[in-house]
Amino acid sequence: MATDFALKRARFEMNCPEATATVLSKQTIGPPMAAMRFGAVERAEFTIGAAGCGKRQTLVVVCADGSDGCFAAEGRP
């Protein structure tokens, strides 16, 4: 799921429908301290590399544990 989110964003930003994506790293991060008392869940943070059309970029995607929602942070060329 994280790869799909990153790939959609990368294809748009790079203007490259043929771009592909690879997970470079994954780590589990706890909820922010301020949110812990409200039952916040752990999150998985993925670093994903996208390449295509002679371009490459790295994106960070955060997904909440047990959820089908992710957030793709701004890409870096």
Protein backbone atom coordinates (compact mmCIF):
# COMPACT_ATOMS: atom_id res chain seq x y z
CA MET A 1 0.00 0.00 0.00
CA ALA A 2 2.82 2.43 0.84
CA THR A 3 4.44 1.78 -2.52
CA ASP A 4 1.16 2.53 -4.33
CA PHE A 5 0.81 5.89 -2.54
CA ALA A 6 4.41 6.84 -3.32
CA LEU A 7 4.15 5.70 -6.92
CA LYS A 8 1.02 7.75 -7.63
CA ARG A 9 2.68 10.87 -6.28
CA ALA A 10 6.00 10.21 -8.03
CA ARG A 11 4.36 9.56 -11.41
CA PHE A 12 2.52 12.88 -11.13
CA GLU A 13 5.49 14.94 -9.87
CA MET A 14 7.92 13.44 -12.37
CA ASN A 15 5.32 13.55 -15.18
CA CYS A 16 6.25 9.93 -15.88
CA PRO A 17 3.50 7.28 -16.05
CA GLU A 18 6.16 4.57 -16.50
CA ALA A 19 7.89 5.27 -13.17
CA THR A 20 8.49 2.32 -10.83
CA ALA A 21 8.99 2.27 -7.07
CA THR A 22 11.08 0.26 -4.61
CA VAL A 23 10.96 0.19 -0.82
CA LEU A 24 14.38 1.31 0.41
CA SER A 25 13.70 1.04 4.14
CA LYS A 26 10.93 0.53 6.69
CA GLN A 27 10.74 1.31 10.37
CA THR A 28 8.02 1.28 13.00
CA ILE A 29 7.55 4.52 14.88
CA GLY A 30 5.44 5.10 17.95
CA PRO A 31 2.66 7.63 18.17
CA PRO A 32 3.53 11.21 19.10
CA MET A 33 3.74 11.64 22.88
CA ALA A 34 0.88 14.14 22.90
CA ALA A 35 -1.40 11.64 21.13
CA MET A 36 -0.62 8.60 23.30
CA ARG A 37 -3.32 9.35 25.87
CA PHE A 38 -5.93 9.38 23.09
CA GLY A 39 -5.14 5.84 21.95
CA ALA A 40 -2.98 6.71 18.96
CA VAL A 41 -1.48 3.74 17.12
CA GLU A 42 2.01 2.91 15.92
CA ARG A 43 2.94 3.91 12.40
CA ALA A 44 5.13 2.40 9.73
CA GLU A 45 7.47 4.81 7.96
CA PHE A 46 8.72 3.77 4.53
CA THR A 47 11.45 5.36 2.44
CA ILE A 48 10.60 4.64 -1.17
CA GLY A 49 12.69 5.31 -4.25
CA ALA A 50 10.94 6.07 -7.53
CA ALA A 51 12.61 6.10 -10.95
CA GLY A 52 11.55 6.59 -14.54
CA CYS A 53 11.91 8.83 -17.60
CA GLY A 54 15.52 9.57 -16.65
CA LYS A 55 14.50 10.92 -13.22
CA ARG A 56 14.76 9.63 -9.64
CA GLN A 57 13.31 10.77 -6.36
CA THR A 58 12.87 9.57 -2.81
CA LEU A 59 9.59 9.78 -0.90
CA VAL A 60 8.70 9.11 2.73
CA VAL A 61 5.35 7.39 3.28
CA VAL A 62 3.74 7.00 6.70
CA CYS A 63 0.94 4.47 7.28
CA ALA A 64 -1.02 4.05 10.51
CA ASP A 65 -1.01 0.50 11.88
CA GLY A 66 -4.33 -1.23 11.26
CA SER A 67 -5.53 1.43 8.84
CA ASP A 68 -5.76 1.59 5.08
CA GLY A 69 -4.62 5.20 4.98
CA CYS A 70 -1.13 6.46 4.21
CA PHE A 71 0.49 9.83 3.69
CA ALA A 72 3.16 10.39 1.05
CA ALA A 73 5.41 13.26 2.11
CA GLU A 74 6.88 15.67 -0.40
CA GLY A 75 9.31 14.03 -2.76
CA ARG A 76 13.00 14.88 -2.98
CA PRO A 77 14.74 14.83 -6.37
